């Protein structure tokens, strides 16, 4: 699990989202809506990357199994 790209992409996504959220909430409340928009914009991209990496992993494992 710790060696997979999917896991680390999700960890980075959570860390970035938390930093953006708390930065917007406590350091600059006037830009909180912009920070929320930024998080909402980034999340689908990260989900697409995780889905692509998962699909790529599944296809490679199926290919390896069929070669045997």
C-alpha atoms as a PDB file:
ATOM      1  CA  UNK A   1       0.000   0.000   0.000  1.00  0.00           C
ATOM      2  CA  UNK A   2       2.704   2.521   0.921  1.00  0.00           C
ATOM      3  CA  UNK A   3       4.548   1.793  -2.310  1.00  0.00           C
ATOM      4  CA  UNK A   4       1.638   2.481  -4.634  1.00  0.00           C
ATOM      5  CA  UNK A   5       1.256   5.662  -6.634  1.00  0.00           C
ATOM      6  CA  UNK A   6      -2.454   5.797  -5.838  1.00  0.00           C
ATOM      7  CA  UNK A   7      -1.804   5.961  -2.109  1.00  0.00           C
ATOM      8  CA  UNK A   8       0.751   8.750  -2.350  1.00  0.00           C
ATOM      9  CA  UNK A   9      -1.369  10.786  -4.767  1.00  0.00           C
ATOM     10  CA  UNK A  10      -4.240  10.601  -2.283  1.00  0.00           C
ATOM     11  CA  UNK A  11      -1.952  11.509   0.645  1.00  0.00           C
ATOM     12  CA  UNK A  12      -0.604  14.523  -1.232  1.00  0.00           C
ATOM     13  CA  UNK A  13      -4.159  15.525  -2.154  1.00  0.00           C
ATOM     14  CA  UNK A  14      -5.276  15.386   1.478  1.00  0.00           C
ATOM     15  CA  UNK A  15      -2.266  17.379   2.674  1.00  0.00           C
ATOM     16  CA  UNK A  16      -2.700  20.061   0.002  1.00  0.00           C
ATOM     17  CA  UNK A  17      -6.428  20.290   0.676  1.00  0.00           C
ATOM     18  CA  UNK A  18      -5.877  20.657   4.412  1.00  0.00           C
ATOM     19  CA  UNK A  19      -3.207  23.311   3.953  1.00  0.00           C
ATOM     20  CA  UNK A  20      -5.396  25.271   1.550  1.00  0.00           C
ATOM     21  CA  UNK A  21      -8.438  24.945   3.803  1.00  0.00           C
ATOM     22  CA  UNK A  22      -6.750  26.080   7.006  1.00  0.00           C
ATOM     23  CA  UNK A  23      -4.784  28.796   5.216  1.00  0.00           C
ATOM     24  CA  UNK A  24      -7.997  30.217   3.851  1.00  0.00           C
ATOM     25  CA  UNK A  25      -9.852  29.842   7.107  1.00  0.00           C
ATOM     26  CA  UNK A  26      -7.363  31.234   9.602  1.00  0.00           C
ATOM     27  CA  UNK A  27      -4.782  33.309   7.754  1.00  0.00           C
ATOM     28  CA  UNK A  28      -6.877  35.064   5.145  1.00  0.00           C
ATOM     29  CA  UNK A  29     -10.628  34.727   5.760  1.00  0.00           C
ATOM     30  CA  UNK A  30     -11.451  37.090   2.902  1.00  0.00           C
ATOM     31  CA  UNK A  31     -10.131  34.577   0.364  1.00  0.00           C
ATOM     32  CA  UNK A  32     -11.844  31.560   1.944  1.00  0.00           C
ATOM     33  CA  UNK A  33     -14.302  31.245  -0.968  1.00  0.00           C
ATOM     34  CA  UNK A  34     -11.420  31.231  -3.434  1.00  0.00           C
ATOM     35  CA  UNK A  35      -9.674  28.505  -1.461  1.00  0.00           C
ATOM     36  CA  UNK A  36     -12.858  26.420  -1.409  1.00  0.00           C
ATOM     37  CA  UNK A  37     -13.149  26.864  -5.180  1.00  0.00           C
ATOM     38  CA  UNK A  38      -9.529  25.822  -5.650  1.00  0.00           C
ATOM     39  CA  UNK A  39     -10.030  22.660  -3.576  1.00  0.00           C
ATOM     40  CA  UNK A  40     -13.227  21.811  -5.451  1.00  0.00           C
ATOM     41  CA  UNK A  41     -11.386  22.281  -8.739  1.00  0.00           C
ATOM     42  CA  UNK A  42      -8.387  20.142  -7.797  1.00  0.00           C
ATOM     43  CA  UNK A  43     -10.329  17.217  -6.285  1.00  0.00           C
ATOM     44  CA  UNK A  44     -11.779  15.819  -9.558  1.00  0.00           C
ATOM     45  CA  UNK A  45      -8.356  15.957 -11.190  1.00  0.00           C
ATOM     46  CA  UNK A  46      -6.824  13.972  -8.350  1.00  0.00           C
ATOM     47  CA  UNK A  47      -9.683  11.480  -8.511  1.00  0.00           C
ATOM     48  CA  UNK A  48      -9.101  11.064 -12.251  1.00  0.00           C
ATOM     49  CA  UNK A  49      -5.365  10.482 -11.676  1.00  0.00           C
ATOM     50  CA  UNK A  50      -6.055   7.872  -8.995  1.00  0.00           C
ATOM     51  CA  UNK A  51      -8.607   6.136 -11.249  1.00  0.00           C
ATOM     52  CA  UNK A  52      -6.144   6.139 -14.160  1.00  0.00           C
ATOM     53  CA  UNK A  53      -3.331   4.738 -12.028  1.00  0.00           C
ATOM     54  CA  UNK A  54      -5.636   2.081 -10.595  1.00  0.00           C
ATOM     55  CA  UNK A  55      -6.795   1.081 -14.075  1.00  0.00           C
ATOM     56  CA  UNK A  56      -3.221   0.952 -15.281  1.00  0.00           C
ATOM     57  CA  UNK A  57      -2.274  -1.301 -12.369  1.00  0.00           C
ATOM     58  CA  UNK A  58      -5.234  -3.620 -12.963  1.00  0.00           C
ATOM     59  CA  UNK A  59      -4.478  -3.912 -16.684  1.00  0.00           C
ATOM     60  CA  UNK A  60      -0.819  -4.687 -16.032  1.00  0.00           C
ATOM     61  CA  UNK A  61      -1.723  -7.376 -13.489  1.00  0.00           C
ATOM     62  CA  UNK A  62      -4.227  -8.958 -15.884  1.00  0.00           C
ATOM     63  CA  UNK A  63      -1.646  -8.869 -18.674  1.00  0.00           C
ATOM     64  CA  UNK A  64       0.943 -10.541 -16.438  1.00  0.00           C
ATOM     65  CA  UNK A  65      -1.569 -13.212 -15.400  1.00  0.00           C
ATOM     66  CA  UNK A  66      -2.471 -13.963 -19.020  1.00  0.00           C
ATOM     67  CA  UNK A  67       1.198 -14.378 -19.963  1.00  0.00           C
ATOM     68  CA  UNK A  68       1.617 -17.199 -17.458  1.00  0.00           C
END
